[in-house]
N, C-alpha and C. Protein backbone atom coordinates (compact mmCIF):
# COMPACT_ATOMS: atom_id res chain seq x y z
N MET A 1 -21.69 4.91 80.69
CA MET A 1 -21.01 6.62 80.63
C MET A 1 -22.64 7.25 80.50
N GLU A 2 -23.53 7.19 79.86
CA GLU A 2 -24.72 8.01 80.74
C GLU A 2 -25.12 8.62 81.49
N LYS A 3 -25.17 7.48 82.59
CA LYS A 3 -25.19 7.91 83.66
C LYS A 3 -24.33 8.80 84.57
N LEU A 4 -23.20 8.35 83.77
CA LEU A 4 -21.84 9.91 84.51
C LEU A 4 -22.89 11.02 84.19
N LYS A 5 -23.10 11.30 83.03
CA LYS A 5 -23.64 12.34 82.28
C LYS A 5 -24.56 12.80 83.15
N GLU A 6 -25.82 11.78 83.61
CA GLU A 6 -26.83 12.23 84.16
C GLU A 6 -26.56 13.05 85.68
N VAL A 7 -25.52 12.31 85.95
CA VAL A 7 -25.35 12.76 87.60
C VAL A 7 -24.67 14.07 87.34
N ILE A 8 -23.69 14.19 86.03
CA ILE A 8 -23.43 15.83 86.24
C ILE A 8 -24.04 16.61 85.80
N ALA A 9 -25.11 16.84 85.14
CA ALA A 9 -26.00 17.33 84.27
C ALA A 9 -27.13 17.96 85.63
N PHE A 10 -27.51 16.61 86.46
CA PHE A 10 -28.22 17.16 87.70
C PHE A 10 -27.37 17.94 88.61
N LEU A 11 -26.32 17.66 89.04
CA LEU A 11 -25.29 18.97 89.95
C LEU A 11 -25.83 20.01 89.33
N PHE A 12 -25.06 20.35 88.00
CA PHE A 12 -24.85 21.53 87.58
C PHE A 12 -25.99 22.42 87.34
N ASN A 13 -27.73 21.51 87.03
CA ASN A 13 -28.64 22.15 86.81
C ASN A 13 -29.06 22.61 88.51
N ARG A 14 -28.60 21.70 88.65
CA ARG A 14 -28.94 21.87 90.86
C ARG A 14 -28.36 22.76 91.00
N ALA A 15 -27.38 23.37 90.52
CA ALA A 15 -26.13 24.56 91.40
C ALA A 15 -26.73 26.05 90.31
N GLY A 16 -27.84 25.57 89.77
CA GLY A 16 -27.83 26.97 88.23
C GLY A 16 -26.59 27.50 87.92
N LYS A 17 -25.33 26.68 87.80
CA LYS A 17 -24.61 27.43 87.42
C LYS A 17 -23.61 26.85 86.01
N ASP A 18 -22.40 27.06 85.66
CA ASP A 18 -21.83 26.62 84.11
C ASP A 18 -20.22 26.18 84.90
N GLU A 19 -20.32 26.49 86.13
CA GLU A 19 -18.85 26.21 86.25
C GLU A 19 -18.75 25.86 87.65
N LEU A 20 -18.30 24.80 88.74
CA LEU A 20 -18.50 24.43 89.85
C LEU A 20 -16.81 23.89 90.40
N THR A 21 -16.56 24.00 91.45
CA THR A 21 -15.35 23.89 91.90
C THR A 21 -15.73 21.94 92.54
N GLY A 22 -14.18 21.51 92.18
CA GLY A 22 -14.14 19.79 92.41
C GLY A 22 -15.39 19.70 94.13
N GLN A 23 -14.69 21.07 95.21
CA GLN A 23 -15.19 20.91 96.35
C GLN A 23 -16.75 21.56 96.50
N GLU A 24 -17.40 22.10 95.46
CA GLU A 24 -18.35 22.09 95.51
C GLU A 24 -19.24 20.95 94.82
N LEU A 25 -18.78 19.73 94.14
CA LEU A 25 -19.10 18.77 93.49
C LEU A 25 -19.05 17.39 94.44
N ARG A 26 -17.84 17.97 95.39
CA ARG A 26 -18.18 16.74 96.55
C ARG A 26 -19.20 17.31 97.50
N LEU A 27 -19.12 18.47 97.84
CA LEU A 27 -19.91 18.76 98.95
C LEU A 27 -21.46 18.10 98.61
N ALA A 28 -21.90 18.41 97.42
CA ALA A 28 -23.14 18.38 96.90
C ALA A 28 -23.37 16.70 97.17
N MET A 29 -22.84 15.99 96.65
CA MET A 29 -23.01 14.76 96.37
C MET A 29 -22.62 14.03 98.00
N SER A 30 -22.18 14.79 98.70
CA SER A 30 -22.01 13.47 99.83
C SER A 30 -22.62 14.76 101.24
N MET A 31 -22.62 15.42 101.34
CA MET A 31 -23.35 16.67 102.51
C MET A 31 -24.64 16.68 102.46
N ASP A 32 -24.50 17.51 101.32
CA ASP A 32 -26.28 18.07 100.24
C ASP A 32 -27.13 17.17 100.23
N LEU A 33 -27.02 16.00 99.02
CA LEU A 33 -27.95 15.13 98.65
C LEU A 33 -27.47 14.23 99.08
N ARG A 34 -26.54 13.55 99.87
CA ARG A 34 -26.14 12.50 100.73
C ARG A 34 -26.32 10.81 99.93
N TRP A 35 -25.85 11.48 99.08
CA TRP A 35 -25.74 10.23 98.42
C TRP A 35 -24.81 9.70 97.99
N PHE A 36 -23.39 9.89 98.66
CA PHE A 36 -22.06 8.88 98.82
C PHE A 36 -21.38 9.71 99.63
N SER A 37 -20.08 9.15 100.74
CA SER A 37 -19.29 9.57 101.16
C SER A 37 -18.77 10.26 100.49
N PRO A 38 -18.00 11.61 101.76
CA PRO A 38 -16.97 12.36 101.28
C PRO A 38 -15.60 11.78 100.30
N LYS A 39 -15.38 10.52 100.59
CA LYS A 39 -14.26 9.70 100.40
C LYS A 39 -15.07 9.27 98.38
N GLU A 40 -16.32 8.94 98.54
CA GLU A 40 -16.52 8.25 97.32
C GLU A 40 -16.99 8.81 96.56
N ALA A 41 -17.59 10.43 96.92
CA ALA A 41 -17.78 11.86 96.22
C ALA A 41 -16.34 11.66 95.57
N GLU A 42 -15.32 12.23 96.45
CA GLU A 42 -13.82 12.23 95.70
C GLU A 42 -13.82 11.39 94.64
N GLU A 43 -14.01 10.20 94.76
CA GLU A 43 -13.51 9.59 93.99
C GLU A 43 -14.30 9.80 92.42
N ILE A 44 -15.50 10.17 93.04
CA ILE A 44 -16.38 10.17 91.68
C ILE A 44 -16.06 11.22 90.59
N VAL A 45 -15.72 12.29 91.27
CA VAL A 45 -15.19 13.59 90.80
C VAL A 45 -13.86 13.34 89.82
N ASP A 46 -13.20 12.50 90.28
CA ASP A 46 -11.69 11.86 89.97
C ASP A 46 -12.30 11.44 88.48
N LEU A 47 -13.34 10.22 88.31
CA LEU A 47 -13.82 9.80 87.84
C LEU A 47 -14.34 10.73 86.43
N PHE A 48 -14.63 11.25 86.91
CA PHE A 48 -15.36 12.17 85.97
C PHE A 48 -14.74 13.12 85.14
N GLN A 49 -13.19 13.65 85.63
CA GLN A 49 -12.57 13.93 85.25
C GLN A 49 -11.46 13.28 84.42
N ASN A 50 -11.53 11.77 84.90
CA ASN A 50 -10.70 11.04 84.21
C ASN A 50 -11.27 10.77 82.45
N LYS A 51 -12.18 10.58 83.21
CA LYS A 51 -13.75 10.34 81.67
C LYS A 51 -13.48 11.32 80.31
N ARG A 52 -12.89 12.43 81.59
CA ARG A 52 -12.84 13.84 80.50
C ARG A 52 -14.14 14.53 80.50
N LEU A 53 -15.21 14.08 81.13
CA LEU A 53 -16.39 14.57 81.10
C LEU A 53 -16.58 15.93 82.09
N LEU A 54 -15.56 16.41 82.70
CA LEU A 54 -15.39 17.49 82.85
C LEU A 54 -14.01 18.03 82.67
N VAL A 55 -13.89 19.50 82.31
CA VAL A 55 -12.77 19.85 82.01
C VAL A 55 -12.35 20.88 83.58
N ARG A 56 -11.15 21.21 83.62
CA ARG A 56 -10.64 22.01 84.66
C ARG A 56 -10.72 23.57 83.52
N LYS A 57 -10.87 24.67 84.04
CA LYS A 57 -10.94 26.30 83.06
C LYS A 57 -9.44 26.76 83.78
N GLY A 58 -9.48 27.45 83.50
CA GLY A 58 -8.24 28.70 83.78
C GLY A 58 -8.39 28.87 85.16
N SER A 59 -9.79 29.10 85.60
CA SER A 59 -10.30 29.84 87.10
C SER A 59 -9.94 28.71 87.86
N GLY A 60 -9.68 27.50 87.41
CA GLY A 60 -9.47 26.42 88.30
C GLY A 60 -10.93 25.89 88.76
N GLY A 61 -12.12 26.18 88.24
CA GLY A 61 -13.54 25.66 88.21
C GLY A 61 -13.45 24.55 87.29
N LEU A 62 -14.73 23.63 87.20
CA LEU A 62 -15.05 22.37 86.47
C LEU A 62 -16.23 22.64 85.53
N ARG A 63 -16.03 22.61 84.46
CA ARG A 63 -16.94 22.33 83.31
C ARG A 63 -17.30 21.51 82.77
N PRO A 64 -18.60 20.96 82.93
CA PRO A 64 -19.12 19.68 81.67
C PRO A 64 -18.59 19.83 80.56
N ALA A 65 -18.34 18.83 79.69
CA ALA A 65 -17.44 18.66 78.62
C ALA A 65 -18.22 18.50 77.31
N PHE A 66 -19.76 18.88 77.79
CA PHE A 66 -20.88 18.13 76.62
C PHE A 66 -21.95 19.37 77.23
N ASN A 67 -23.24 19.24 76.48
CA ASN A 67 -23.81 19.78 76.56
C ASN A 67 -24.99 19.27 77.39
N TYR A 68 -24.94 19.69 79.31
CA TYR A 68 -25.75 19.04 79.56
C TYR A 68 -27.15 19.43 80.15
N LYS A 69 -27.27 20.56 79.37
CA LYS A 69 -29.10 21.57 79.45
C LYS A 69 -29.42 20.50 78.47
N ASN A 70 -29.44 20.15 77.87
CA ASN A 70 -30.52 19.28 76.95
C ASN A 70 -30.42 17.89 77.31
N LEU A 71 -29.93 17.50 78.44
CA LEU A 71 -30.44 16.14 78.76
C LEU A 71 -31.48 15.74 79.58
N THR A 72 -32.00 15.16 79.46
CA THR A 72 -33.64 14.54 80.22
C THR A 72 -32.75 14.21 81.58
N ILE A 73 -32.91 14.32 82.73
CA ILE A 73 -33.11 13.84 83.98
C ILE A 73 -33.77 13.94 84.76
N ASP A 74 -33.92 12.77 85.80
CA ASP A 74 -34.95 12.19 86.61
C ASP A 74 -35.05 13.10 87.85
N ARG A 75 -35.78 13.70 87.87
CA ARG A 75 -35.63 14.30 89.33
C ARG A 75 -35.33 13.86 90.66
N ASP A 76 -36.11 12.74 90.52
CA ASP A 76 -35.74 11.93 91.83
C ASP A 76 -34.43 10.81 91.76
N LEU A 77 -33.20 11.60 91.14
CA LEU A 77 -32.07 10.33 90.66
C LEU A 77 -31.28 10.62 91.98
N HIS A 78 -31.25 8.99 92.45
CA HIS A 78 -29.95 8.71 93.58
C HIS A 78 -29.45 7.42 92.98
N PRO A 79 -28.14 7.98 92.17
CA PRO A 79 -27.41 7.04 91.83
C PRO A 79 -26.42 6.11 93.39
N THR A 80 -26.19 4.96 92.29
CA THR A 80 -25.23 4.44 93.65
C THR A 80 -23.71 4.28 93.11
N LYS A 81 -22.92 4.12 94.12
CA LYS A 81 -21.28 4.20 93.84
C LYS A 81 -21.30 3.04 92.47
N SER A 82 -21.57 1.98 92.41
CA SER A 82 -21.48 0.84 91.65
C SER A 82 -21.83 1.25 90.10
N GLU A 83 -23.15 2.00 89.95
CA GLU A 83 -23.69 2.24 89.11
C GLU A 83 -22.89 3.61 88.47
N LEU A 84 -22.24 4.20 88.97
CA LEU A 84 -20.96 4.82 88.28
C LEU A 84 -19.02 4.16 87.94
N LEU A 85 -19.15 3.62 89.05
CA LEU A 85 -17.71 3.37 89.32
C LEU A 85 -17.85 1.87 88.49
N GLY A 86 -18.87 0.92 87.52
CA GLY A 86 -18.95 0.06 86.62
C GLY A 86 -19.49 -1.09 87.23
N GLY A 87 -20.10 -0.71 87.89
CA GLY A 87 -21.09 -2.11 88.85
C GLY A 87 -20.55 -3.48 89.46
N SER A 88 -19.17 -3.42 89.42
CA SER A 88 -18.39 -4.23 90.01
C SER A 88 -18.19 -3.84 91.82
N GLY A 89 -17.69 -2.42 91.84
CA GLY A 89 -17.75 -2.58 93.37
C GLY A 89 -16.21 -2.39 93.49
N ASP A 90 -15.76 -2.78 92.62
CA ASP A 90 -14.19 -2.55 92.64
C ASP A 90 -13.88 -1.44 92.43
N GLU A 91 -12.44 -0.73 92.98
CA GLU A 91 -11.71 0.56 92.79
C GLU A 91 -11.37 0.54 91.55
N PRO A 92 -11.80 1.27 90.12
CA PRO A 92 -11.43 1.53 89.03
C PRO A 92 -9.42 1.81 89.03
N LEU A 93 -9.67 1.19 88.06
CA LEU A 93 -8.05 0.68 87.84
C LEU A 93 -6.86 2.27 87.84
N PHE A 94 -7.74 3.51 87.50
CA PHE A 94 -6.31 4.38 87.43
C PHE A 94 -6.87 4.99 89.13
N VAL A 95 -7.83 4.50 90.13
CA VAL A 95 -7.63 4.72 91.37
C VAL A 95 -6.81 4.17 92.38
N ARG A 96 -6.84 2.91 91.95
CA ARG A 96 -5.90 1.89 92.52
C ARG A 96 -3.76 2.21 92.01
N MET A 97 -3.92 2.86 90.87
CA MET A 97 -2.93 3.85 90.51
C MET A 97 -2.23 4.55 91.35
N VAL A 98 -3.10 5.30 91.31
CA VAL A 98 -2.92 6.88 92.36
C VAL A 98 -2.98 6.28 93.88
N GLY A 99 -3.44 5.57 94.03
CA GLY A 99 -3.11 4.90 95.62
C GLY A 99 -2.40 4.35 95.98
N HIS A 100 -1.62 3.32 94.78
CA HIS A 100 -0.43 2.38 94.88
C HIS A 100 0.92 3.95 94.71
N ILE A 101 0.59 5.13 94.27
CA ILE A 101 1.60 5.89 94.35
C ILE A 101 1.66 6.72 96.08
N THR A 102 0.17 7.09 96.27
CA THR A 102 0.41 7.70 97.65
C THR A 102 0.45 6.95 98.57
N ASP A 103 0.53 5.54 98.34
CA ASP A 103 1.32 4.67 99.52
C ASP A 103 2.18 4.87 99.77
N ARG A 104 3.41 4.87 98.17
CA ARG A 104 4.37 4.76 98.40
C ARG A 104 5.63 6.05 98.95
N ALA A 105 4.57 7.18 98.49
CA ALA A 105 5.45 8.02 98.33
C ALA A 105 4.90 9.58 99.23
N ASP A 106 5.52 10.64 99.50
CA ASP A 106 5.36 11.60 100.56
C ASP A 106 4.35 12.40 99.12
N GLU A 107 3.38 12.13 98.87
CA GLU A 107 2.83 12.60 98.12
C GLU A 107 0.98 12.37 98.33
N GLU A 108 0.45 14.06 98.02
CA GLU A 108 -1.01 13.57 98.18
C GLU A 108 -1.89 13.48 97.08
N LYS A 109 -2.65 12.56 97.38
CA LYS A 109 -3.48 12.14 96.69
C LYS A 109 -4.26 13.25 95.34
N ARG A 110 -4.35 14.12 95.92
CA ARG A 110 -5.04 15.61 94.92
C ARG A 110 -3.98 15.91 94.20
N ASN A 111 -2.66 16.02 94.31
CA ASN A 111 -1.36 16.54 93.94
C ASN A 111 -1.29 15.64 92.96
N VAL A 112 -1.15 13.84 93.26
CA VAL A 112 -0.65 13.08 91.86
C VAL A 112 -1.93 13.50 90.83
N ILE A 113 -3.30 13.31 91.03
CA ILE A 113 -4.11 13.27 90.70
C ILE A 113 -3.97 15.16 89.64
N SER A 114 -3.56 16.19 89.95
CA SER A 114 -3.25 17.23 89.32
C SER A 114 -2.44 17.11 88.17
N ARG A 115 -1.35 16.48 88.77
CA ARG A 115 -0.04 16.14 88.10
C ARG A 115 -0.70 15.17 86.74
N VAL A 116 -1.40 14.01 87.13
CA VAL A 116 -1.57 13.08 85.88
C VAL A 116 -2.51 13.89 85.01
N ASN A 117 -3.93 14.88 85.38
CA ASN A 117 -3.92 15.23 84.39
C ASN A 117 -3.81 16.64 83.47
N ARG A 118 -2.64 16.92 84.06
CA ARG A 118 -2.15 18.09 83.89
C ARG A 118 -1.18 17.13 82.46
N LYS A 119 -0.31 15.97 82.89
CA LYS A 119 0.76 15.51 81.73
C LYS A 119 -0.27 14.54 80.84
N ALA A 120 -1.32 14.09 81.14
CA ALA A 120 -2.77 13.80 80.08
C ALA A 120 -2.64 14.96 79.41
N GLY A 121 -3.05 15.92 79.77
CA GLY A 121 -3.26 17.15 78.76
C GLY A 121 -2.52 17.57 78.01
N GLU A 122 -1.12 17.72 78.76
CA GLU A 122 -0.39 18.45 77.97
C GLU A 122 0.48 17.34 76.50
N MET A 123 0.48 15.73 77.01
CA MET A 123 0.78 14.72 76.11
C MET A 123 0.01 14.46 75.31
N GLY A 124 -1.62 14.88 75.58
CA GLY A 124 -2.46 14.23 74.86
C GLY A 124 -2.42 12.62 75.09
N ILE A 125 -2.47 11.90 76.37
CA ILE A 125 -2.44 10.57 76.53
C ILE A 125 -3.36 10.30 77.32
N GLU A 126 -3.71 8.83 77.02
CA GLU A 126 -4.95 8.57 77.92
C GLU A 126 -4.49 9.08 79.78
N VAL A 127 -4.81 9.10 80.74
CA VAL A 127 -4.76 8.70 82.09
C VAL A 127 -3.90 8.22 82.43
N GLU A 128 -4.63 6.69 82.03
CA GLU A 128 -3.56 5.25 82.43
C GLU A 128 -1.69 5.13 82.20
N ALA A 129 -1.83 5.89 80.85
CA ALA A 129 -0.41 6.48 80.45
C ALA A 129 0.15 7.46 81.49
N ALA A 130 -0.56 8.55 81.65
CA ALA A 130 0.13 9.54 82.38
C ALA A 130 0.14 9.39 84.01
N VAL A 131 -0.94 8.45 84.12
CA VAL A 131 -0.21 8.16 85.99
C VAL A 131 0.95 7.14 85.80
N MET A 132 1.04 6.60 84.57
CA MET A 132 2.29 5.56 84.69
C MET A 132 3.81 6.27 84.85
N LEU A 133 3.38 7.39 84.08
CA LEU A 133 4.61 7.94 83.78
C LEU A 133 4.92 8.74 85.09
N VAL A 134 3.80 9.50 85.80
CA VAL A 134 3.69 10.37 86.98
C VAL A 134 4.09 9.13 87.82
N GLY A 135 3.83 8.47 88.25
CA GLY A 135 4.37 7.29 89.16
C GLY A 135 6.01 6.78 89.00
N ASP A 136 6.69 7.07 87.85
CA ASP A 136 8.15 6.66 87.63
C ASP A 136 8.73 8.33 87.83
N GLU A 137 8.04 9.29 87.57
CA GLU A 137 8.88 10.33 88.02
C GLU A 137 9.52 10.90 89.29
N ILE A 138 7.87 10.32 89.63
CA ILE A 138 8.30 10.59 91.08
C ILE A 138 8.69 9.74 92.14
N GLY A 139 9.08 8.41 91.12
CA GLY A 139 10.20 7.06 91.50
C GLY A 139 9.25 5.94 92.70
N VAL A 140 8.11 5.64 91.77
CA VAL A 140 7.31 4.45 92.46
C VAL A 140 7.28 3.70 91.46
N ASP A 141 7.71 2.46 91.42
CA ASP A 141 7.53 1.15 90.42
C ASP A 141 5.67 1.15 90.45
N MET A 142 6.22 1.30 88.89
CA MET A 142 4.46 1.35 88.55
C MET A 142 4.56 -0.39 87.50
N ARG A 143 5.19 -1.18 87.49
CA ARG A 143 5.43 -2.54 86.94
C ARG A 143 4.17 -3.49 87.45
N PRO A 144 3.78 -3.42 88.41
CA PRO A 144 2.71 -3.98 88.72
C PRO A 144 1.09 -3.54 88.10
N PHE A 145 1.11 -2.52 87.30
CA PHE A 145 0.33 -2.57 86.43
C PHE A 145 0.44 -2.11 85.19
N ALA A 146 1.17 -2.88 85.01
CA ALA A 146 1.56 -2.17 83.02
C ALA A 146 0.58 -3.02 81.82
N ASP A 147 0.29 -4.12 82.79
CA ASP A 147 -0.40 -5.39 81.98
C ASP A 147 -1.74 -4.37 81.74
N GLU A 148 -2.30 -4.36 82.60
CA GLU A 148 -3.63 -3.46 83.31
C GLU A 148 -3.58 -2.44 82.60
N ALA A 149 -3.02 -1.64 82.63
CA ALA A 149 -2.61 -0.05 81.92
C ALA A 149 -3.24 -0.42 80.69
N LEU A 150 -2.07 -0.89 79.77
CA LEU A 150 -2.12 -1.53 78.48
C LEU A 150 -3.08 -1.96 78.00
N VAL A 151 -3.83 -2.74 78.92
CA VAL A 151 -5.25 -3.16 78.23
C VAL A 151 -6.39 -2.09 77.70
N ALA A 152 -6.15 -1.33 78.95
CA ALA A 152 -7.44 -0.17 79.66
C ALA A 152 -6.79 0.88 78.16
N ILE A 153 -5.73 1.41 78.17
CA ILE A 153 -4.95 1.96 77.13
C ILE A 153 -5.95 1.56 75.51
N ALA A 154 -5.42 0.31 75.28
CA ALA A 154 -5.73 0.07 74.06
C ALA A 154 -7.29 0.20 73.82
N SER A 155 -7.94 -0.90 74.82
CA SER A 155 -9.65 -0.44 75.02
C SER A 155 -10.25 0.28 74.18
N LYS A 156 -9.73 1.72 74.97
CA LYS A 156 -9.83 2.83 74.56
C LYS A 156 -10.23 3.65 73.12
N SER A 157 -8.87 2.75 72.35
CA SER A 157 -8.24 3.06 70.90
C SER A 157 -9.18 2.72 70.15
N LYS A 158 -9.84 1.63 70.40
CA LYS A 158 -10.93 0.74 69.40
C LYS A 158 -11.87 1.93 69.07
């Protein structure tokens, strides 16, 4: 989680702003800094939001949910996908669940993630529970993820 915070702090300090759009973050990580492909950058911005390290403001912009200005950051920071996504290189559960929905329904990834984040915020539940509910609302069978989602949710409550 510290590496994620370090990346967020680096991006916001570099931009000199307290609020950035998801597109600004993705472009910085992919095109400007050339850390990731555009698709990987999108996954990482989603991860930041799912871990609640970035919060969406009324203006639609994203702000860090922590005081990023007090973090010490390596000026030569160059994170890898595996560092940020947990080291295994496999897709995180949330990404797989959203992909499952978009593969089976006529829904865009961005819209599904927006619905999941809204539901998680409104209901005060973990994103894994919210994505299960959103998938069900859309009419996608989410049972293949039930056990894994339950384990993920339970591990967060400890």
